[in-house]
Amino acid sequence: AGLVIFGLRQVKFCLGIWPYDKRYNKGIIATIFTILLLVVAQTLEINSSLIRLFVMSTISIGAFTGALLFLGLDKEDQQLFRGTWLILRTPVVSGKI
């Protein structure tokens, strides 16, 4: 990780550009928010591994998606959600979507 950070700093210093735009900040914020919620959720005393997996998966998907929705979706995010929604609501007939 240190080498990557050093490389990014060198790109900024030598070329005067930053290789990432502000859209990446939304993903970073959503990730940090999700991690914080998962750390708090680990304190729940759930004995079953299967139930723990279900709860943690639901929290992580919900938190990340909710954070992105709260921060505002970019055009690419809207296309991804729209495409996923179309796939999920399409009925499966004889194993084909």
N, C-alpha and C. Protein backbone atom coordinates (compact mmCIF):
# COMPACT_ATOMS: atom_id res chain seq x y z
N ALA A 1 0.82 -1.19 0.00
CA ALA A 1 0.00 0.00 0.00
C ALA A 1 0.87 1.26 0.00
N GLY A 2 1.97 1.19 0.71
CA GLY A 2 2.86 2.35 0.78
C GLY A 2 3.45 2.70 -0.58
N LEU A 3 3.77 1.67 -1.36
CA LEU A 3 4.32 1.90 -2.70
C LEU A 3 3.29 2.55 -3.61
N VAL A 4 2.04 2.13 -3.49
CA VAL A 4 0.97 2.71 -4.30
C VAL A 4 0.78 4.18 -3.94
N ILE A 5 0.75 4.47 -2.65
CA ILE A 5 0.59 5.86 -2.20
C ILE A 5 1.76 6.71 -2.66
N PHE A 6 2.98 6.17 -2.57
CA PHE A 6 4.15 6.90 -3.04
C PHE A 6 4.05 7.16 -4.54
N GLY A 7 3.60 6.16 -5.31
CA GLY A 7 3.44 6.32 -6.74
C GLY A 7 2.42 7.39 -7.10
N LEU A 8 1.32 7.41 -6.36
CA LEU A 8 0.29 8.43 -6.60
C LEU A 8 0.84 9.83 -6.30
N ARG A 9 1.61 9.94 -5.24
CA ARG A 9 2.20 11.23 -4.89
C ARG A 9 3.19 11.67 -5.98
N GLN A 10 3.93 10.73 -6.52
CA GLN A 10 4.88 11.06 -7.58
C GLN A 10 4.16 11.52 -8.86
N VAL A 11 3.06 10.87 -9.19
CA VAL A 11 2.29 11.28 -10.36
C VAL A 11 1.80 12.71 -10.17
N LYS A 12 1.30 13.01 -9.00
CA LYS A 12 0.81 14.37 -8.71
C LYS A 12 1.97 15.37 -8.76
N PHE A 13 3.10 15.01 -8.20
CA PHE A 13 4.24 15.93 -8.14
C PHE A 13 4.86 16.13 -9.53
N CYS A 14 5.09 15.07 -10.26
CA CYS A 14 5.80 15.17 -11.55
C CYS A 14 4.91 15.66 -12.69
N LEU A 15 3.68 15.17 -12.74
CA LEU A 15 2.81 15.51 -13.87
C LEU A 15 1.79 16.58 -13.53
N GLY A 16 1.60 16.83 -12.25
CA GLY A 16 0.64 17.85 -11.85
C GLY A 16 -0.81 17.42 -12.00
N ILE A 17 -1.03 16.11 -12.09
CA ILE A 17 -2.40 15.60 -12.20
C ILE A 17 -2.66 14.58 -11.11
N TRP A 18 -3.91 14.41 -10.78
CA TRP A 18 -4.31 13.38 -9.84
C TRP A 18 -5.08 12.34 -10.63
N PRO A 19 -4.68 11.07 -10.58
CA PRO A 19 -5.29 10.07 -11.46
C PRO A 19 -6.73 9.70 -11.12
N TYR A 20 -7.24 10.17 -10.00
CA TYR A 20 -8.62 9.85 -9.61
C TYR A 20 -9.41 11.15 -9.50
N ASP A 21 -10.70 11.06 -9.83
CA ASP A 21 -11.54 12.25 -9.68
C ASP A 21 -12.41 12.12 -8.43
N LYS A 22 -13.27 13.08 -8.22
CA LYS A 22 -14.06 13.13 -6.98
C LYS A 22 -15.05 11.98 -6.85
N ARG A 23 -15.37 11.30 -7.93
CA ARG A 23 -16.32 10.20 -7.85
C ARG A 23 -15.80 9.06 -6.99
N TYR A 24 -14.48 8.90 -6.92
CA TYR A 24 -13.90 7.83 -6.10
C TYR A 24 -14.13 8.09 -4.61
N ASN A 25 -14.28 9.35 -4.24
CA ASN A 25 -14.52 9.68 -2.83
C ASN A 25 -15.81 9.06 -2.32
N LYS A 26 -16.83 8.99 -3.18
CA LYS A 26 -18.10 8.39 -2.76
C LYS A 26 -17.91 6.92 -2.40
N GLY A 27 -17.16 6.22 -3.21
CA GLY A 27 -16.89 4.80 -2.93
C GLY A 27 -16.08 4.62 -1.66
N ILE A 28 -15.13 5.49 -1.44
CA ILE A 28 -14.31 5.41 -0.23
C ILE A 28 -15.17 5.69 1.00
N ILE A 29 -16.00 6.72 0.93
CA ILE A 29 -16.87 7.07 2.08
C ILE A 29 -17.86 5.93 2.34
N ALA A 30 -18.46 5.38 1.28
CA ALA A 30 -19.40 4.27 1.45
C ALA A 30 -18.71 3.05 2.05
N THR A 31 -17.49 2.80 1.65
CA THR A 31 -16.73 1.66 2.19
C THR A 31 -16.42 1.86 3.67
N ILE A 32 -15.97 3.05 4.03
CA ILE A 32 -15.66 3.33 5.44
C ILE A 32 -16.92 3.21 6.29
N PHE A 33 -18.04 3.73 5.81
CA PHE A 33 -19.31 3.64 6.52
C PHE A 33 -19.71 2.17 6.72
N THR A 34 -19.55 1.37 5.67
CA THR A 34 -19.90 -0.04 5.75
C THR A 34 -19.02 -0.78 6.75
N ILE A 35 -17.72 -0.49 6.71
CA ILE A 35 -16.80 -1.14 7.64
C ILE A 35 -17.16 -0.80 9.08
N LEU A 36 -17.47 0.47 9.33
CA LEU A 36 -17.84 0.87 10.69
C LEU A 36 -19.09 0.13 11.17
N LEU A 37 -20.08 0.02 10.30
CA LEU A 37 -21.30 -0.71 10.69
C LEU A 37 -21.01 -2.20 10.93
N LEU A 38 -20.14 -2.78 10.13
CA LEU A 38 -19.82 -4.19 10.32
C LEU A 38 -19.04 -4.42 11.61
N VAL A 39 -18.18 -3.47 11.98
CA VAL A 39 -17.45 -3.58 13.25
C VAL A 39 -18.43 -3.55 14.42
N VAL A 40 -19.40 -2.64 14.34
CA VAL A 40 -20.42 -2.56 15.39
C VAL A 40 -21.27 -3.83 15.40
N ALA A 41 -21.60 -4.35 14.21
CA ALA A 41 -22.45 -5.53 14.12
C ALA A 41 -21.75 -6.78 14.64
N GLN A 42 -20.43 -6.79 14.65
CA GLN A 42 -19.70 -7.94 15.17
C GLN A 42 -19.92 -8.14 16.66
N THR A 43 -20.36 -7.11 17.34
CA THR A 43 -20.62 -7.24 18.77
C THR A 43 -21.92 -7.99 19.05
N LEU A 44 -22.75 -8.19 18.02
CA LEU A 44 -23.97 -8.97 18.20
C LEU A 44 -23.61 -10.42 18.51
N GLU A 45 -24.29 -10.98 19.45
CA GLU A 45 -24.03 -12.37 19.82
C GLU A 45 -24.95 -13.29 19.03
N ILE A 46 -24.45 -13.74 17.90
CA ILE A 46 -25.20 -14.65 17.04
C ILE A 46 -24.45 -15.97 17.03
N ASN A 47 -25.11 -17.04 17.47
CA ASN A 47 -24.45 -18.33 17.61
C ASN A 47 -24.31 -19.09 16.30
N SER A 48 -25.27 -18.95 15.43
CA SER A 48 -25.26 -19.69 14.17
C SER A 48 -24.40 -18.97 13.13
N SER A 49 -23.48 -19.72 12.53
CA SER A 49 -22.61 -19.13 11.50
C SER A 49 -23.41 -18.71 10.27
N LEU A 50 -24.41 -19.51 9.94
CA LEU A 50 -25.22 -19.21 8.75
C LEU A 50 -26.02 -17.92 8.96
N ILE A 51 -26.60 -17.77 10.15
CA ILE A 51 -27.36 -16.55 10.44
C ILE A 51 -26.42 -15.35 10.51
N ARG A 52 -25.24 -15.54 11.09
CA ARG A 52 -24.25 -14.46 11.15
C ARG A 52 -23.86 -14.03 9.74
N LEU A 53 -23.64 -14.99 8.86
CA LEU A 53 -23.29 -14.67 7.47
C LEU A 53 -24.41 -13.88 6.80
N PHE A 54 -25.65 -14.30 7.01
CA PHE A 54 -26.80 -13.62 6.43
C PHE A 54 -26.90 -12.19 6.95
N VAL A 55 -26.79 -12.02 8.27
CA VAL A 55 -26.90 -10.69 8.88
C VAL A 55 -25.79 -9.77 8.39
N MET A 56 -24.56 -10.25 8.41
CA MET A 56 -23.43 -9.41 7.98
C MET A 56 -23.52 -9.07 6.49
N SER A 57 -23.94 -10.01 5.67
CA SER A 57 -24.10 -9.75 4.24
C SER A 57 -25.18 -8.71 3.99
N THR A 58 -26.29 -8.85 4.69
CA THR A 58 -27.38 -7.90 4.54
C THR A 58 -26.96 -6.50 4.98
N ILE A 59 -26.25 -6.43 6.11
CA ILE A 59 -25.77 -5.13 6.59
C ILE A 59 -24.80 -4.51 5.60
N SER A 60 -23.86 -5.30 5.09
CA SER A 60 -22.85 -4.72 4.19
C SER A 60 -23.46 -4.25 2.87
N ILE A 61 -24.33 -5.06 2.29
CA ILE A 61 -24.96 -4.65 1.02
C ILE A 61 -25.86 -3.44 1.24
N GLY A 62 -26.65 -3.48 2.31
CA GLY A 62 -27.56 -2.37 2.59
C GLY A 62 -26.82 -1.08 2.92
N ALA A 63 -25.77 -1.18 3.74
CA ALA A 63 -25.03 0.01 4.14
C ALA A 63 -24.31 0.64 2.95
N PHE A 64 -23.65 -0.18 2.14
CA PHE A 64 -22.91 0.35 1.00
C PHE A 64 -23.86 0.98 -0.01
N THR A 65 -24.94 0.27 -0.34
CA THR A 65 -25.91 0.79 -1.30
C THR A 65 -26.59 2.04 -0.75
N GLY A 66 -26.97 2.00 0.52
CA GLY A 66 -27.61 3.17 1.13
C GLY A 66 -26.69 4.38 1.16
N ALA A 67 -25.42 4.17 1.45
CA ALA A 67 -24.48 5.29 1.47
C ALA A 67 -24.31 5.88 0.07
N LEU A 68 -24.23 5.02 -0.94
CA LEU A 68 -24.11 5.54 -2.31
C LEU A 68 -25.36 6.31 -2.72
N LEU A 69 -26.53 5.80 -2.35
CA LEU A 69 -27.77 6.51 -2.67
C LEU A 69 -27.82 7.86 -1.95
N PHE A 70 -27.39 7.88 -0.70
CA PHE A 70 -27.39 9.12 0.08
C PHE A 70 -26.42 10.15 -0.51
N LEU A 71 -25.26 9.69 -0.97
CA LEU A 71 -24.26 10.59 -1.54
C LEU A 71 -24.59 11.01 -2.97
N GLY A 72 -25.53 10.31 -3.59
CA GLY A 72 -25.92 10.63 -4.97
C GLY A 72 -25.23 9.71 -5.96
N LEU A 73 -26.02 9.15 -6.84
CA LEU A 73 -25.48 8.22 -7.81
C LEU A 73 -24.93 8.94 -9.04
N ASP A 74 -23.80 8.46 -9.53
CA ASP A 74 -23.26 8.95 -10.79
C ASP A 74 -24.00 8.24 -11.92
N LYS A 75 -23.77 8.69 -13.14
CA LYS A 75 -24.45 8.11 -14.29
C LYS A 75 -24.14 6.61 -14.41
N GLU A 76 -22.88 6.25 -14.18
CA GLU A 76 -22.49 4.84 -14.27
C GLU A 76 -23.17 4.01 -13.19
N ASP A 77 -23.29 4.57 -11.99
CA ASP A 77 -23.96 3.87 -10.89
C ASP A 77 -25.43 3.66 -11.22
N GLN A 78 -26.07 4.66 -11.79
CA GLN A 78 -27.48 4.55 -12.16
C GLN A 78 -27.67 3.45 -13.20
N GLN A 79 -26.76 3.37 -14.17
CA GLN A 79 -26.85 2.32 -15.19
C GLN A 79 -26.68 0.94 -14.57
N LEU A 80 -25.75 0.82 -13.62
CA LEU A 80 -25.53 -0.46 -12.96
C LEU A 80 -26.76 -0.88 -12.16
N PHE A 81 -27.33 0.03 -11.36
CA PHE A 81 -28.51 -0.30 -10.58
C PHE A 81 -29.70 -0.61 -11.48
N ARG A 82 -29.86 0.15 -12.55
CA ARG A 82 -30.97 -0.09 -13.48
C ARG A 82 -30.83 -1.46 -14.14
N GLY A 83 -29.62 -1.80 -14.59
CA GLY A 83 -29.39 -3.10 -15.21
C GLY A 83 -29.59 -4.26 -14.25
N THR A 84 -29.12 -4.09 -13.02
CA THR A 84 -29.29 -5.12 -12.00
C THR A 84 -30.77 -5.31 -11.69
N TRP A 85 -31.50 -4.20 -11.58
CA TRP A 85 -32.94 -4.28 -11.30
C TRP A 85 -33.67 -5.01 -12.43
N LEU A 86 -33.31 -4.72 -13.67
CA LEU A 86 -33.97 -5.38 -14.81
C LEU A 86 -33.70 -6.88 -14.78
N ILE A 87 -32.47 -7.27 -14.44
CA ILE A 87 -32.15 -8.69 -14.38
C ILE A 87 -32.92 -9.37 -13.25
N LEU A 88 -33.00 -8.71 -12.08
CA LEU A 88 -33.66 -9.32 -10.93
C LEU A 88 -35.17 -9.44 -11.11
N ARG A 89 -35.78 -8.53 -11.84
CA ARG A 89 -37.23 -8.60 -11.98
C ARG A 89 -37.67 -9.38 -13.22
N THR A 90 -36.74 -9.82 -14.05
CA THR A 90 -37.08 -10.63 -15.22
C THR A 90 -37.37 -12.05 -14.76
N PRO A 91 -38.52 -12.58 -15.10
CA PRO A 91 -38.85 -13.94 -14.67
C PRO A 91 -37.96 -14.98 -15.36
N VAL A 92 -37.62 -16.00 -14.61
CA VAL A 92 -36.79 -17.09 -15.14
C VAL A 92 -37.73 -18.15 -15.71
N VAL A 93 -37.55 -18.44 -17.00
CA VAL A 93 -38.38 -19.44 -17.67
C VAL A 93 -37.45 -20.52 -18.20
N SER A 94 -37.66 -21.75 -17.80
CA SER A 94 -36.85 -22.91 -18.16
C SER A 94 -35.36 -22.66 -18.05
N GLY A 95 -34.96 -22.02 -16.98
CA GLY A 95 -33.54 -21.83 -16.72
C GLY A 95 -32.90 -20.71 -17.50
N LYS A 96 -33.66 -19.99 -18.29
CA LYS A 96 -33.10 -18.87 -19.07
C LYS A 96 -33.65 -17.57 -18.54
N ILE A 97 -32.83 -16.55 -18.62
CA ILE A 97 -33.27 -15.21 -18.18
C ILE A 97 -33.65 -14.40 -19.39
